[in-house]
Amino acid sequence: MNAGADSPNPNAFEIELGRENDLLPCECCGASTRIVRGFVYKAGTARAVYLVRSTLGAHHRDADVAVSVGGWCDADPSHRQLVTLSLRQLEQGPAFMVVDAKDTAWGGEEDLGEPMRRGEVVGTPLSREVFGILDAVALQDQRVHGWRLASSPAD
């Protein structure tokens, strides 16, 4: 599914940049993994958080993305839903595919909410909201470069 397909107006969301950090280099390839985080507000209320995990290096341009939608700040965390996606770089641009959250690295993070299965997300209002959030992230968070993730410092 392309990021812009049937998603709400990305201007409905305000993005606040969160932490960014690099993990230790991979034992297999030596590349570092970067995680960027951010907060999503709708009408001034904390609505979601997002996390983007990508591997740095000339041959790496894809990423794993998590969006946790629901109560944040002082809200009841039991209403959070975790949607995870694979970002793949295609010739015509970046594309996302919803994947089963429990099968990802994010699935065990209780604070992120109930890990949603692909079938519980695709074609639902939750899916439309998540893709609206992804559009807003692409427009407002320069760290993801419109989802054309940098592969090296020269990019």
C-alpha atoms as a PDB file:
ATOM      1  CA  MET A   1       0.000   0.000   0.000  1.00  0.00           C
ATOM      2  CA  ASN A   2       1.368   3.410  -0.872  1.00  0.00           C
ATOM      3  CA  ALA A   3       1.575   5.929   1.940  1.00  0.00           C
ATOM      4  CA  GLY A   4      -0.928   8.333   0.393  1.00  0.00           C
ATOM      5  CA  ALA A   5      -3.614   5.799  -0.466  1.00  0.00           C
ATOM      6  CA  ASP A   6      -6.935   6.663   1.214  1.00  0.00           C
ATOM      7  CA  SER A   7      -5.324   8.358   4.220  1.00  0.00           C
ATOM      8  CA  PRO A   8      -6.644  11.386   6.108  1.00  0.00           C
ATOM      9  CA  ASN A   9      -5.209  14.833   5.605  1.00  0.00           C
ATOM     10  CA  PRO A  10      -1.642  14.765   6.966  1.00  0.00           C
ATOM     11  CA  ASN A  11      -2.090  18.396   8.020  1.00  0.00           C
ATOM     12  CA  ALA A  12      -4.458  17.120  10.710  1.00  0.00           C
ATOM     13  CA  PHE A  13      -1.413  15.838  12.608  1.00  0.00           C
ATOM     14  CA  GLU A  14       1.442  17.733  14.238  1.00  0.00           C
ATOM     15  CA  ILE A  15       4.750  15.929  14.657  1.00  0.00           C
ATOM     16  CA  GLU A  16       7.147  16.483  17.556  1.00  0.00           C
ATOM     17  CA  LEU A  17      10.585  14.984  17.060  1.00  0.00           C
ATOM     18  CA  GLY A  18      11.736  12.510  19.665  1.00  0.00           C
ATOM     19  CA  ARG A  19      15.033  10.803  20.397  1.00  0.00           C
ATOM     20  CA  GLU A  20      17.344   9.386  17.769  1.00  0.00           C
ATOM     21  CA  ASN A  21      20.036   6.851  18.523  1.00  0.00           C
ATOM     22  CA  ASP A  22      22.328   4.355  16.824  1.00  0.00           C
ATOM     23  CA  LEU A  23      22.622   0.779  18.032  1.00  0.00           C
ATOM     24  CA  LEU A  24      25.811  -1.255  18.075  1.00  0.00           C
ATOM     25  CA  PRO A  25      27.044  -2.402  14.659  1.00  0.00           C
ATOM     26  CA  CYS A  26      25.648  -5.666  13.315  1.00  0.00           C
ATOM     27  CA  GLU A  27      27.930  -8.665  13.871  1.00  0.00           C
ATOM     28  CA  CYS A  28      27.190  -9.951  10.331  1.00  0.00           C
ATOM     29  CA  CYS A  29      27.608  -6.856   8.148  1.00  0.00           C
ATOM     30  CA  GLY A  30      29.106  -4.237  10.467  1.00  0.00           C
ATOM     31  CA  ALA A  31      26.383  -1.691   9.665  1.00  0.00           C
ATOM     32  CA  SER A  32      24.759   0.383  12.400  1.00  0.00           C
ATOM     33  CA  THR A  33      21.043   0.537  13.002  1.00  0.00           C
ATOM     34  CA  ARG A  34      19.374   3.888  13.679  1.00  0.00           C
ATOM     35  CA  ILE A  35      16.096   4.347  15.519  1.00  0.00           C
ATOM     36  CA  VAL A  36      14.204   7.624  15.313  1.00  0.00           C
ATOM     37  CA  ARG A  37      11.161   8.392  17.425  1.00  0.00           C
ATOM     38  CA  GLY A  38       8.486  10.998  17.400  1.00  0.00           C
ATOM     39  CA  PHE A  39       5.184  12.051  18.888  1.00  0.00           C
ATOM     40  CA  VAL A  40       1.961  12.730  17.018  1.00  0.00           C
ATOM     41  CA  TYR A  41      -0.651  15.264  18.082  1.00  0.00           C
ATOM     42  CA  LYS A  42      -4.129  15.778  16.699  1.00  0.00           C
ATOM     43  CA  ALA A  43      -6.016  18.924  17.667  1.00  0.00           C
ATOM     44  CA  GLY A  44      -3.411  19.570  20.384  1.00  0.00           C
ATOM     45  CA  THR A  45      -3.890  16.145  22.010  1.00  0.00           C
ATOM     46  CA  ALA A  46      -1.257  13.413  22.140  1.00  0.00           C
ATOM     47  CA  ARG A  47      -2.551  10.777  19.717  1.00  0.00           C
ATOM     48  CA  ALA A  48       0.334   8.456  18.793  1.00  0.00           C
ATOM     49  CA  VAL A  49       4.043   7.749  18.774  1.00  0.00           C
ATOM     50  CA  TYR A  50       6.122   6.416  15.908  1.00  0.00           C
ATOM     51  CA  LEU A  51       9.433   4.589  15.713  1.00  0.00           C
ATOM     52  CA  VAL A  52      11.518   4.009  12.594  1.00  0.00           C
ATOM     53  CA  ARG A  53      14.333   1.440  12.607  1.00  0.00           C
ATOM     54  CA  SER A  54      16.683   1.478   9.621  1.00  0.00           C
ATOM     55  CA  THR A  55      20.117   0.088   8.892  1.00  0.00           C
ATOM     56  CA  LEU A  56      22.723   2.577   7.752  1.00  0.00           C
ATOM     57  CA  GLY A  57      24.900   1.768   4.772  1.00  0.00           C
ATOM     58  CA  ALA A  58      25.070   1.884   1.011  1.00  0.00           C
ATOM     59  CA  HIS A  59      22.966  -1.251   0.511  1.00  0.00           C
ATOM     60  CA  HIS A  60      20.271  -0.479   3.076  1.00  0.00           C
ATOM     61  CA  ARG A  61      17.275   1.755   2.348  1.00  0.00           C
ATOM     62  CA  ASP A  62      14.355  -0.145   3.854  1.00  0.00           C
ATOM     63  CA  ALA A  63      13.013   0.220   7.375  1.00  0.00           C
ATOM     64  CA  ASP A  64      10.697  -1.188  10.000  1.00  0.00           C
ATOM     65  CA  VAL A  65       8.104   1.243  11.301  1.00  0.00           C
ATOM     66  CA  ALA A  66       5.871   1.117  14.372  1.00  0.00           C
ATOM     67  CA  VAL A  67       2.934   3.428  15.058  1.00  0.00           C
ATOM     68  CA  SER A  68       1.232   3.224  18.441  1.00  0.00           C
ATOM     69  CA  VAL A  69      -2.164   4.904  18.291  1.00  0.00           C
ATOM     70  CA  GLY A  70      -4.296   5.661  21.330  1.00  0.00           C
ATOM     71  CA  GLY A  71      -3.993   7.213  24.738  1.00  0.00           C
ATOM     72  CA  TRP A  72      -0.693   8.972  25.455  1.00  0.00           C
ATOM     73  CA  CYS A  73       0.597  11.254  28.210  1.00  0.00           C
ATOM     74  CA  ASP A  74      -1.943  10.887  31.008  1.00  0.00           C
ATOM     75  CA  ALA A  75      -4.414   8.805  28.986  1.00  0.00           C
ATOM     76  CA  ASP A  76      -5.236   5.167  29.730  1.00  0.00           C
ATOM     77  CA  PRO A  77      -2.550   3.059  27.997  1.00  0.00           C
ATOM     78  CA  SER A  78      -4.893   0.080  27.615  1.00  0.00           C
ATOM     79  CA  HIS A  79      -6.467   1.774  24.578  1.00  0.00           C
ATOM     80  CA  ARG A  80      -3.255   1.829  22.552  1.00  0.00           C
ATOM     81  CA  GLN A  81      -3.012  -0.189  19.350  1.00  0.00           C
ATOM     82  CA  LEU A  82       0.358  -1.070  17.820  1.00  0.00           C
ATOM     83  CA  VAL A  83       0.530  -1.141  14.029  1.00  0.00           C
ATOM     84  CA  THR A  84       3.794  -2.214  12.426  1.00  0.00           C
ATOM     85  CA  LEU A  85       4.836  -1.797   8.826  1.00  0.00           C
ATOM     86  CA  SER A  86       7.679  -2.731   6.506  1.00  0.00           C
ATOM     87  CA  LEU A  87       8.942   0.160   4.410  1.00  0.00           C
ATOM     88  CA  ARG A  88      10.386  -0.886   1.073  1.00  0.00           C
ATOM     89  CA  GLN A  89      11.949   1.372  -1.521  1.00  0.00           C
ATOM     90  CA  LEU A  90      10.412   0.733  -4.931  1.00  0.00           C
ATOM     91  CA  GLU A  91      11.347   2.352  -8.222  1.00  0.00           C
ATOM     92  CA  GLN A  92       8.231   4.558  -8.114  1.00  0.00           C
ATOM     93  CA  GLY A  93       8.806   5.545  -4.483  1.00  0.00           C
ATOM     94  CA  PRO A  94       8.513   4.236  -0.944  1.00  0.00           C
ATOM     95  CA  ALA A  95       5.785   1.707  -0.130  1.00  0.00           C
ATOM     96  CA  PHE A  96       4.496   0.367   3.176  1.00  0.00           C
ATOM     97  CA  MET A  97       3.072  -3.037   4.014  1.00  0.00           C
ATOM     98  CA  VAL A  98       1.248  -3.663   7.278  1.00  0.00           C
ATOM     99  CA  VAL A  99       2.678  -6.708   9.063  1.00  0.00           C
ATOM    100  CA  ASP A 100       1.614  -8.633  12.158  1.00  0.00           C
ATOM    101  CA  ALA A 101       2.952  -6.568  15.065  1.00  0.00           C
ATOM    102  CA  LYS A 102       3.501  -9.523  17.379  1.00  0.00           C
ATOM    103  CA  ASP A 103       6.035 -10.949  14.901  1.00  0.00           C
ATOM    104  CA  THR A 104       8.242  -7.830  14.998  1.00  0.00           C
ATOM    105  CA  ALA A 105      10.811  -6.454  17.410  1.00  0.00           C
ATOM    106  CA  TRP A 106       8.180  -3.945  18.559  1.00  0.00           C
ATOM    107  CA  GLY A 107       5.579  -6.620  19.395  1.00  0.00           C
ATOM    108  CA  GLY A 108       6.894  -7.300  22.893  1.00  0.00           C
ATOM    109  CA  GLU A 109       6.864  -3.644  23.956  1.00  0.00           C
ATOM    110  CA  GLU A 110       3.827  -3.521  26.242  1.00  0.00           C
ATOM    111  CA  ASP A 111       3.905   0.281  26.464  1.00  0.00           C
ATOM    112  CA  LEU A 112       3.196   0.468  22.728  1.00  0.00           C
ATOM    113  CA  GLY A 113      -0.169  -1.238  23.123  1.00  0.00           C
ATOM    114  CA  GLU A 114      -2.029  -4.218  21.742  1.00  0.00           C
ATOM    115  CA  PRO A 115      -0.036  -5.694  18.830  1.00  0.00           C
ATOM    116  CA  MET A 116      -2.428  -5.683  15.887  1.00  0.00           C
ATOM    117  CA  ARG A 117      -2.513  -8.353  13.200  1.00  0.00           C
ATOM    118  CA  ARG A 118      -2.425  -7.299   9.550  1.00  0.00           C
ATOM    119  CA  GLY A 119      -6.002  -8.508   9.049  1.00  0.00           C
ATOM    120  CA  GLU A 120      -7.198  -6.327  11.927  1.00  0.00           C
ATOM    121  CA  VAL A 121      -5.717  -3.209  10.336  1.00  0.00           C
ATOM    122  CA  VAL A 122      -5.952  -3.284   6.533  1.00  0.00           C
ATOM    123  CA  GLY A 123      -9.067  -1.553   5.204  1.00  0.00           C
ATOM    124  CA  THR A 124     -10.143  -0.175   8.593  1.00  0.00           C
ATOM    125  CA  PRO A 125     -10.367   3.358   9.999  1.00  0.00           C
ATOM    126  CA  LEU A 126      -7.218   2.528  12.011  1.00  0.00           C
ATOM    127  CA  SER A 127      -5.344   1.873   8.765  1.00  0.00           C
ATOM    128  CA  ARG A 128      -6.474   5.200   7.316  1.00  0.00           C
ATOM    129  CA  GLU A 129      -5.353   7.019  10.459  1.00  0.00           C
ATOM    130  CA  VAL A 130      -1.954   5.288  10.491  1.00  0.00           C
ATOM    131  CA  PHE A 131      -1.321   6.165   6.840  1.00  0.00           C
ATOM    132  CA  GLY A 132      -2.330   9.770   7.548  1.00  0.00           C
ATOM    133  CA  ILE A 133       0.229   9.774  10.362  1.00  0.00           C
ATOM    134  CA  LEU A 134       2.886   8.333   8.033  1.00  0.00           C
ATOM    135  CA  ASP A 135       2.159  11.086   5.501  1.00  0.00           C
ATOM    136  CA  ALA A 136       2.541  13.703   8.247  1.00  0.00           C
ATOM    137  CA  VAL A 137       5.822  12.146   9.385  1.00  0.00           C
ATOM    138  CA  ALA A 138       7.121  12.237   5.804  1.00  0.00           C
ATOM    139  CA  LEU A 139       6.289  15.935   5.561  1.00  0.00           C
ATOM    140  CA  GLN A 140       7.420  17.060   9.018  1.00  0.00           C
ATOM    141  CA  ASP A 141      10.301  14.807  10.120  1.00  0.00           C
ATOM    142  CA  GLN A 142      13.371  15.507   7.996  1.00  0.00           C
ATOM    143  CA  ARG A 143      15.129  12.493   9.504  1.00  0.00           C
ATOM    144  CA  VAL A 144      13.114  10.206   7.235  1.00  0.00           C
ATOM    145  CA  HIS A 145      13.678  12.376   4.111  1.00  0.00           C
ATOM    146  CA  GLY A 146      10.156  11.810   2.810  1.00  0.00           C
ATOM    147  CA  TRP A 147      10.764   8.087   3.442  1.00  0.00           C
ATOM    148  CA  ARG A 148      13.754   8.039   1.090  1.00  0.00           C
ATOM    149  CA  LEU A 149      15.996   7.041   3.956  1.00  0.00           C
ATOM    150  CA  ALA A 150      19.621   8.089   3.724  1.00  0.00           C
ATOM    151  CA  SER A 151      21.990   5.214   3.111  1.00  0.00           C
ATOM    152  CA  SER A 152      25.158   7.119   3.855  1.00  0.00           C
ATOM    153  CA  PRO A 153      26.251  10.537   5.119  1.00  0.00           C
ATOM    154  CA  ALA A 154      26.653  11.708   1.487  1.00  0.00           C
ATOM    155  CA  ASP A 155      22.942  11.153   0.682  1.00  0.00           C
END
